[in-house]
C-alpha atoms as a PDB file:
ATOM      1  CA  MET A   1     -35.207  67.812   5.596  1.00  0.00           C
ATOM      2  CA  PRO A   2     -35.750  71.478   3.820  1.00  0.00           C
ATOM      3  CA  ILE A   3     -33.338  73.079   1.534  1.00  0.00           C
ATOM      4  CA  ARG A   4     -33.018  76.732   3.375  1.00  0.00           C
ATOM      5  CA  ARG A   5     -30.054  78.308   1.339  1.00  0.00           C
ATOM      6  CA  ILE A   6     -28.334  77.699  -1.259  1.00  0.00           C
ATOM      7  CA  VAL A   7     -25.660  79.618  -3.338  1.00  0.00           C
ATOM      8  CA  LEU A   8     -24.562  78.902  -7.017  1.00  0.00           C
ATOM      9  CA  ASP A   9     -21.856  79.846  -9.433  1.00  0.00           C
ATOM     10  CA  VAL A  10     -23.702  80.559 -12.866  1.00  0.00           C
ATOM     11  CA  LEU A  11     -22.925  81.652 -16.312  1.00  0.00           C
ATOM     12  CA  MET A  12     -25.136  83.878 -18.294  1.00  0.00           C
ATOM     13  CA  SER A  13     -25.208  85.736 -20.974  1.00  0.00           C
ATOM     14  CA  HIS A  14     -25.804  89.621 -20.684  1.00  0.00           C
ATOM     15  CA  ASP A  15     -29.599  89.533 -22.013  1.00  0.00           C
ATOM     16  CA  PRO A  16     -31.523  88.463 -20.054  1.00  0.00           C
ATOM     17  CA  GLY A  17     -30.050  90.588 -17.570  1.00  0.00           C
ATOM     18  CA  ILE A  18     -29.632  90.181 -13.689  1.00  0.00           C
ATOM     19  CA  VAL A  19     -32.642  91.984 -13.116  1.00  0.00           C
ATOM     20  CA  THR A  20     -34.705  89.739 -14.807  1.00  0.00           C
ATOM     21  CA  TYR A  21     -32.964  86.343 -13.647  1.00  0.00           C
ATOM     22  CA  ALA A  22     -33.765  87.840  -9.889  1.00  0.00           C
ATOM     23  CA  GLU A  23     -37.237  88.018 -10.748  1.00  0.00           C
ATOM     24  CA  ARG A  24     -38.257  85.227 -12.142  1.00  0.00           C
ATOM     25  CA  LEU A  25     -35.882  83.012  -9.646  1.00  0.00           C
ATOM     26  CA  SER A  26     -37.769  84.577  -6.458  1.00  0.00           C
ATOM     27  CA  ASP A  27     -41.313  83.863  -8.277  1.00  0.00           C
ATOM     28  CA  LEU A  28     -40.211  79.976  -7.375  1.00  0.00           C
ATOM     29  CA  GLU A  29     -42.359  77.997  -5.063  1.00  0.00           C
ATOM     30  CA  GLY A  30     -40.862  77.935  -1.560  1.00  0.00           C
ATOM     31  CA  THR A  31     -38.203  80.818  -2.326  1.00  0.00           C
ATOM     32  CA  ASP A  32     -38.565  83.973   0.113  1.00  0.00           C
ATOM     33  CA  GLY A  33     -35.631  86.044  -1.413  1.00  0.00           C
ATOM     34  CA  VAL A  34     -32.629  85.649  -4.322  1.00  0.00           C
ATOM     35  CA  THR A  35     -29.490  87.787  -4.820  1.00  0.00           C
ATOM     36  CA  VAL A  36     -27.935  88.015  -8.558  1.00  0.00           C
ATOM     37  CA  ASP A  37     -23.865  89.112  -7.394  1.00  0.00           C
ATOM     38  CA  VAL A  38     -22.060  89.665 -10.754  1.00  0.00           C
ATOM     39  CA  VAL A  39     -18.881  88.032  -9.654  1.00  0.00           C
ATOM     40  CA  GLU A  40     -16.893  88.741 -13.547  1.00  0.00           C
ATOM     41  CA  GLU A  41     -18.012  89.896 -16.931  1.00  0.00           C
ATOM     42  CA  ASP A  42     -16.775  89.824 -20.341  1.00  0.00           C
ATOM     43  CA  GLU A  43     -18.136  90.702 -23.757  1.00  0.00           C
ATOM     44  CA  GLN A  44     -20.022  88.019 -23.667  1.00  0.00           C
ATOM     45  CA  THR A  45     -21.071  86.655 -20.910  1.00  0.00           C
ATOM     46  CA  LYS A  46     -21.233  87.100 -16.978  1.00  0.00           C
ATOM     47  CA  THR A  47     -20.708  84.988 -14.240  1.00  0.00           C
ATOM     48  CA  VAL A  48     -23.062  85.539 -11.555  1.00  0.00           C
ATOM     49  CA  GLU A  49     -22.968  84.373  -7.470  1.00  0.00           C
ATOM     50  CA  VAL A  50     -27.179  83.399  -6.842  1.00  0.00           C
ATOM     51  CA  THR A  51     -28.322  83.059  -3.356  1.00  0.00           C
ATOM     52  CA  PHE A  52     -31.460  81.811  -2.193  1.00  0.00           C
ATOM     53  CA  GLU A  53     -33.385  81.088   0.496  1.00  0.00           C
ATOM     54  CA  GLY A  54     -36.844  80.412   2.100  1.00  0.00           C
ATOM     55  CA  ASP A  55     -38.304  77.807   3.287  1.00  0.00           C
ATOM     56  CA  ASN A  56     -37.853  75.212   1.023  1.00  0.00           C
ATOM     57  CA  LEU A  57     -35.876  75.339  -2.071  1.00  0.00           C
ATOM     58  CA  SER A  58     -35.902  73.072  -4.654  1.00  0.00           C
ATOM     59  CA  LEU A  59     -32.524  73.120  -6.622  1.00  0.00           C
ATOM     60  CA  ASP A  60     -34.006  70.815 -10.002  1.00  0.00           C
ATOM     61  CA  ALA A  61     -36.252  74.208 -10.282  1.00  0.00           C
ATOM     62  CA  ILE A  62     -33.735  76.788 -10.091  1.00  0.00           C
ATOM     63  CA  LYS A  63     -31.713  74.760 -12.371  1.00  0.00           C
ATOM     64  CA  ALA A  64     -34.951  74.717 -15.286  1.00  0.00           C
ATOM     65  CA  VAL A  65     -35.330  78.206 -14.688  1.00  0.00           C
ATOM     66  CA  ILE A  66     -31.708  79.184 -15.290  1.00  0.00           C
ATOM     67  CA  GLN A  67     -31.469  77.069 -18.150  1.00  0.00           C
ATOM     68  CA  GLU A  68     -34.591  78.658 -19.538  1.00  0.00           C
ATOM     69  CA  LEU A  69     -33.264  82.157 -19.341  1.00  0.00           C
ATOM     70  CA  GLY A  70     -30.047  80.616 -21.341  1.00  0.00           C
ATOM     71  CA  GLY A  71     -27.526  80.488 -18.339  1.00  0.00           C
ATOM     72  CA  ALA A  72     -25.730  77.331 -17.001  1.00  0.00           C
ATOM     73  CA  VAL A  73     -24.765  76.253 -12.835  1.00  0.00           C
ATOM     74  CA  HIS A  74     -21.246  75.755 -12.383  1.00  0.00           C
ATOM     75  CA  SER A  75     -21.382  74.729  -9.391  1.00  0.00           C
ATOM     76  CA  VAL A  76     -23.621  74.588  -6.191  1.00  0.00           C
ATOM     77  CA  ASP A  77     -21.258  76.324  -3.729  1.00  0.00           C
ATOM     78  CA  LEU A  78     -23.304  76.420  -0.668  1.00  0.00           C
ATOM     79  CA  VAL A  79     -26.273  74.061   0.753  1.00  0.00           C
ATOM     80  CA  SER A  80     -27.796  74.776   3.971  1.00  0.00           C
ATOM     81  CA  ALA A  81     -30.898  72.290   5.228  1.00  0.00           C
ATOM     82  CA  GLY A  82     -32.638  71.690   8.152  1.00  0.00           C
ATOM     83  CA  ASP A  83     -34.917  73.323  10.727  1.00  0.00           C
ATOM     84  CA  ARG A  84     -32.237  76.575  10.624  1.00  0.00           C
ATOM     85  CA  ILE A  85     -29.762  78.168   8.867  1.00  0.00           C
ATOM     86  CA  VAL A  86     -26.328  77.612  10.139  1.00  0.00           C
ATOM     87  CA  GLU A  87     -23.652  80.351   8.889  1.00  0.00           C
ATOM     88  CA  PRO A  88     -20.490  79.209   7.700  1.00  0.00           C
ATOM     89  CA  GLN A  89     -17.675  79.877   9.725  1.00  0.00           C
ATOM     90  CA  VAL A  90     -14.412  81.682   8.084  1.00  0.00           C
ATOM     91  CA  ALA A  91     -11.422  79.013   7.550  1.00  0.00           C
ATOM     92  CA  ARG A  92      -8.868  79.482   9.987  1.00  0.00           C
ATOM     93  CA  ALA A  93      -6.062  80.036   7.161  1.00  0.00           C
ATOM     94  CA  GLU A  94      -8.111  83.047   6.079  1.00  0.00           C
ATOM     95  CA  GLU A  95      -8.352  84.336   9.197  1.00  0.00           C
ATOM     96  CA  GLU A  96      -4.404  84.746   9.692  1.00  0.00           C
END
């Protein structure tokens, strides 16, 4: 089954910036769109959440580009696979 959405926690340096990351990652085959969201920033690095959507995403190809850009994948936080994307449900503890 094809992977349609991936959300990654990524540590990156300030250079290259998030625009370069988004542009390079969005060029990957099977990728329809990429969002790079800064979660935390210090003097040397940024922690970003990177969300991918597409018809057939390749985690290996994504990781390779992130490494080429000097970043590191901390974790894979969400994966959607199959014929369609199923939106995650909010945990009941968070609703209360």
